[in-house]
Each structure stands twice: as structure tokens, then as C-alpha cells.
């Protein structure tokens, strides 16, 4: 999965889910910063955990931290 942050930093990662859980690993170019997470996620059918994933990624890799309004984009 490719994620582009508002400052145009490109991250690469892999996400996965099991019923009730979501987890992932992401890395910045050169591997200088990495993120690994796992959290419980239960939601109504047909909903997505992606907004939460993007907020976590932006908070971990942004110089200013996340502001709750993620500008991160996936491709």
C-alpha cells in the first residue's frame, strides 16, 4: 500500500484485518522511521477502518503530528 502524506512524503506499508482487529506496518524512505500497530476495530457492516489507519500513519510520520483531519492519500 502506498500512502502520500500532505508534505508529499511517500510511505509504503501493508495492512491486514481479522474480524475485530486491524494491523499494519509502514516505513518511510530509507527505513529511518517505521510504524507497526494493531488495534481492535469493530464497526457496522460495509464500513472501513481506513480513516483510522490514515490518521495513525499521519500522526506517526508527520513532523507536527496528526491534527485529526488527515490529508494522507492512498493509491
N, C-alpha and C. Protein backbone atom coordinates (compact mmCIF):
# COMPACT_ATOMS: atom_id res chain seq x y z
N UNK A 1 0.85 -1.16 0.00
CA UNK A 1 0.00 0.00 0.00
C UNK A 1 0.89 1.23 0.00
N UNK A 2 0.61 2.16 -0.85
CA UNK A 2 1.34 3.41 -0.93
C UNK A 2 0.48 4.51 -0.29
N UNK A 3 1.08 5.29 0.61
CA UNK A 3 0.40 6.41 1.25
C UNK A 3 1.23 7.66 1.01
N UNK A 4 0.60 8.73 0.53
CA UNK A 4 1.27 10.00 0.34
C UNK A 4 0.77 10.98 1.39
N UNK A 5 1.69 11.49 2.20
CA UNK A 5 1.35 12.44 3.25
C UNK A 5 1.20 13.84 2.66
N UNK A 6 0.57 14.76 3.42
CA UNK A 6 0.39 16.13 2.91
C UNK A 6 1.71 16.81 2.53
N UNK A 7 2.83 16.43 3.17
CA UNK A 7 4.12 17.04 2.81
C UNK A 7 4.79 16.31 1.64
N UNK A 8 4.04 15.42 0.98
CA UNK A 8 4.44 14.67 -0.20
C UNK A 8 5.41 13.52 0.11
N UNK A 9 5.61 13.21 1.39
CA UNK A 9 6.38 12.03 1.75
C UNK A 9 5.59 10.80 1.33
N UNK A 10 6.25 9.86 0.66
CA UNK A 10 5.60 8.62 0.24
C UNK A 10 6.02 7.52 1.20
N UNK A 11 5.04 6.83 1.75
CA UNK A 11 5.27 5.70 2.65
C UNK A 11 4.79 4.43 1.96
N UNK A 12 5.41 3.32 2.34
CA UNK A 12 4.96 2.03 1.86
C UNK A 12 4.61 1.17 3.05
N UNK A 13 3.54 0.39 2.92
CA UNK A 13 3.12 -0.43 4.04
C UNK A 13 2.25 -1.59 3.61
N UNK A 14 1.86 -2.34 4.60
CA UNK A 14 0.98 -3.50 4.41
C UNK A 14 0.00 -3.52 5.56
N UNK A 15 -1.28 -3.64 5.25
CA UNK A 15 -2.32 -3.73 6.27
C UNK A 15 -2.95 -5.11 6.22
N UNK A 16 -3.60 -5.47 7.30
CA UNK A 16 -4.31 -6.74 7.35
C UNK A 16 -5.41 -6.67 8.40
N UNK A 17 -6.43 -7.47 8.22
CA UNK A 17 -7.53 -7.48 9.18
C UNK A 17 -7.99 -8.90 9.43
N UNK A 18 -8.49 -9.08 10.60
CA UNK A 18 -9.22 -10.26 11.03
C UNK A 18 -10.46 -9.70 11.70
N UNK A 19 -11.52 -10.44 11.79
CA UNK A 19 -12.71 -9.90 12.45
C UNK A 19 -12.36 -9.34 13.84
N UNK A 20 -12.59 -8.04 14.01
CA UNK A 20 -12.35 -7.38 15.28
C UNK A 20 -10.97 -6.78 15.44
N UNK A 21 -10.07 -6.99 14.48
CA UNK A 21 -8.69 -6.48 14.60
C UNK A 21 -8.22 -5.92 13.27
N UNK A 22 -7.35 -4.92 13.34
CA UNK A 22 -6.65 -4.44 12.16
C UNK A 22 -5.21 -4.17 12.57
N UNK A 23 -4.28 -4.42 11.67
CA UNK A 23 -2.88 -4.21 11.98
C UNK A 23 -2.14 -3.84 10.69
N UNK A 24 -0.95 -3.26 10.88
CA UNK A 24 -0.18 -2.84 9.71
C UNK A 24 1.25 -2.55 10.08
N UNK A 25 2.05 -2.41 9.05
CA UNK A 25 3.43 -1.93 9.16
C UNK A 25 3.62 -0.92 8.02
N UNK A 26 4.27 0.19 8.32
CA UNK A 26 4.59 1.22 7.32
C UNK A 26 6.03 1.66 7.53
N UNK A 27 6.69 2.12 6.47
CA UNK A 27 8.06 2.60 6.57
C UNK A 27 8.25 3.82 5.68
N UNK A 28 9.08 4.73 6.18
CA UNK A 28 9.48 5.90 5.41
C UNK A 28 10.62 5.52 4.48
N UNK A 29 10.89 6.33 3.48
CA UNK A 29 12.01 6.04 2.58
C UNK A 29 13.30 5.84 3.37
N UNK A 30 14.04 4.84 3.01
CA UNK A 30 15.29 4.54 3.68
C UNK A 30 15.12 3.79 4.99
N UNK A 31 13.90 3.58 5.41
CA UNK A 31 13.64 2.82 6.64
C UNK A 31 14.00 3.55 7.92
N UNK A 32 14.22 4.87 7.84
CA UNK A 32 14.59 5.63 9.02
C UNK A 32 13.50 5.69 10.08
N UNK A 33 12.28 5.58 9.68
CA UNK A 33 11.16 5.57 10.62
C UNK A 33 10.20 4.49 10.18
N UNK A 34 9.76 3.70 11.16
CA UNK A 34 8.81 2.62 10.89
C UNK A 34 7.65 2.71 11.88
N UNK A 35 6.52 2.18 11.47
CA UNK A 35 5.33 2.13 12.32
C UNK A 35 4.75 0.73 12.23
N UNK A 36 4.47 0.17 13.38
CA UNK A 36 3.76 -1.11 13.46
C UNK A 36 2.64 -0.91 14.46
N UNK A 37 1.43 -1.28 14.09
CA UNK A 37 0.31 -1.14 15.03
C UNK A 37 -0.65 -2.30 14.89
N UNK A 38 -1.45 -2.44 15.93
CA UNK A 38 -2.56 -3.38 15.93
C UNK A 38 -3.62 -2.79 16.85
N UNK A 39 -4.86 -2.74 16.40
CA UNK A 39 -5.92 -2.26 17.28
C UNK A 39 -7.21 -3.02 17.03
N UNK A 40 -8.07 -2.99 18.03
CA UNK A 40 -9.38 -3.61 17.91
C UNK A 40 -10.27 -2.70 17.10
N UNK A 41 -10.93 -3.27 16.12
CA UNK A 41 -11.83 -2.49 15.28
C UNK A 41 -13.10 -3.29 15.07
N UNK A 42 -14.16 -2.78 15.59
CA UNK A 42 -15.48 -3.37 15.34
C UNK A 42 -16.37 -2.25 14.82
N UNK A 43 -17.03 -2.48 13.75
CA UNK A 43 -17.83 -1.44 13.12
C UNK A 43 -19.01 -2.07 12.41
N UNK A 44 -19.95 -1.22 12.03
CA UNK A 44 -21.10 -1.72 11.27
C UNK A 44 -20.65 -2.33 9.95
N UNK A 45 -21.43 -3.24 9.42
CA UNK A 45 -21.10 -3.82 8.11
C UNK A 45 -20.94 -2.72 7.06
N UNK A 46 -20.10 -2.97 6.07
CA UNK A 46 -19.86 -2.05 4.96
C UNK A 46 -19.18 -0.76 5.39
N UNK A 47 -18.50 -0.75 6.54
CA UNK A 47 -17.73 0.42 6.92
C UNK A 47 -16.25 0.08 6.79
N UNK A 48 -15.40 1.08 6.89
CA UNK A 48 -13.97 0.87 6.67
C UNK A 48 -13.16 1.42 7.83
N UNK A 49 -12.08 0.74 8.13
CA UNK A 49 -11.15 1.22 9.15
C UNK A 49 -10.14 2.21 8.55
N UNK A 50 -10.16 2.40 7.23
CA UNK A 50 -9.14 3.21 6.56
C UNK A 50 -9.01 4.64 7.11
N UNK A 51 -10.08 5.35 7.45
CA UNK A 51 -9.88 6.68 8.03
C UNK A 51 -9.03 6.65 9.30
N UNK A 52 -9.19 5.62 10.12
CA UNK A 52 -8.39 5.49 11.34
C UNK A 52 -6.95 5.16 11.01
N UNK A 53 -6.76 4.28 10.03
CA UNK A 53 -5.41 3.90 9.60
C UNK A 53 -4.65 5.14 9.13
N UNK A 54 -5.27 5.95 8.28
CA UNK A 54 -4.60 7.13 7.75
C UNK A 54 -4.28 8.15 8.84
N UNK A 55 -5.14 8.29 9.83
CA UNK A 55 -4.86 9.21 10.94
C UNK A 55 -3.68 8.72 11.77
N UNK A 56 -3.60 7.43 12.01
CA UNK A 56 -2.47 6.87 12.76
C UNK A 56 -1.17 7.08 11.99
N UNK A 57 -1.19 6.79 10.70
CA UNK A 57 0.00 6.94 9.87
C UNK A 57 0.45 8.40 9.84
N UNK A 58 -0.48 9.30 9.64
CA UNK A 58 -0.11 10.72 9.58
C UNK A 58 0.45 11.19 10.92
N UNK A 59 -0.15 10.78 12.01
CA UNK A 59 0.35 11.19 13.33
C UNK A 59 1.76 10.67 13.58
N UNK A 60 2.04 9.46 13.12
CA UNK A 60 3.35 8.85 13.35
C UNK A 60 4.45 9.45 12.47
N UNK A 61 4.12 9.88 11.27
CA UNK A 61 5.14 10.33 10.33
C UNK A 61 5.17 11.82 10.09
N UNK A 62 4.17 12.55 10.55
CA UNK A 62 4.14 14.00 10.36
C UNK A 62 5.04 14.68 11.37
N UNK A 63 5.71 15.71 10.95
CA UNK A 63 6.57 16.47 11.87
C UNK A 63 5.75 17.14 12.95
N UNK A 64 4.52 17.57 12.59
CA UNK A 64 3.67 18.27 13.56
C UNK A 64 2.70 17.33 14.25
N UNK A 65 2.66 16.07 13.83
CA UNK A 65 1.68 15.14 14.40
C UNK A 65 0.35 15.29 13.70
N UNK A 66 -0.55 14.38 13.97
CA UNK A 66 -1.86 14.41 13.34
C UNK A 66 -2.74 15.48 13.96
N UNK A 67 -3.57 16.09 13.14
CA UNK A 67 -4.49 17.10 13.63
C UNK A 67 -5.93 16.60 13.62
N UNK A 68 -6.12 15.31 13.39
CA UNK A 68 -7.46 14.76 13.36
C UNK A 68 -8.14 14.91 12.02
N UNK A 69 -7.49 15.63 11.09
CA UNK A 69 -8.05 15.85 9.77
C UNK A 69 -7.01 15.39 8.75
N UNK A 70 -6.89 14.10 8.61
CA UNK A 70 -5.82 13.55 7.79
C UNK A 70 -5.90 13.99 6.35
N UNK A 71 -4.78 14.47 5.86
CA UNK A 71 -4.67 14.79 4.45
C UNK A 71 -3.97 13.69 3.69
N UNK A 72 -3.68 12.58 4.38
CA UNK A 72 -2.98 11.46 3.73
C UNK A 72 -3.87 10.84 2.68
N UNK A 73 -3.23 10.38 1.60
CA UNK A 73 -3.96 9.76 0.50
C UNK A 73 -3.36 8.39 0.22
N UNK A 74 -4.20 7.48 -0.21
CA UNK A 74 -3.71 6.15 -0.60
C UNK A 74 -3.79 6.01 -2.10
N UNK A 75 -2.97 5.13 -2.64
CA UNK A 75 -3.01 4.82 -4.07
C UNK A 75 -2.92 3.34 -4.23
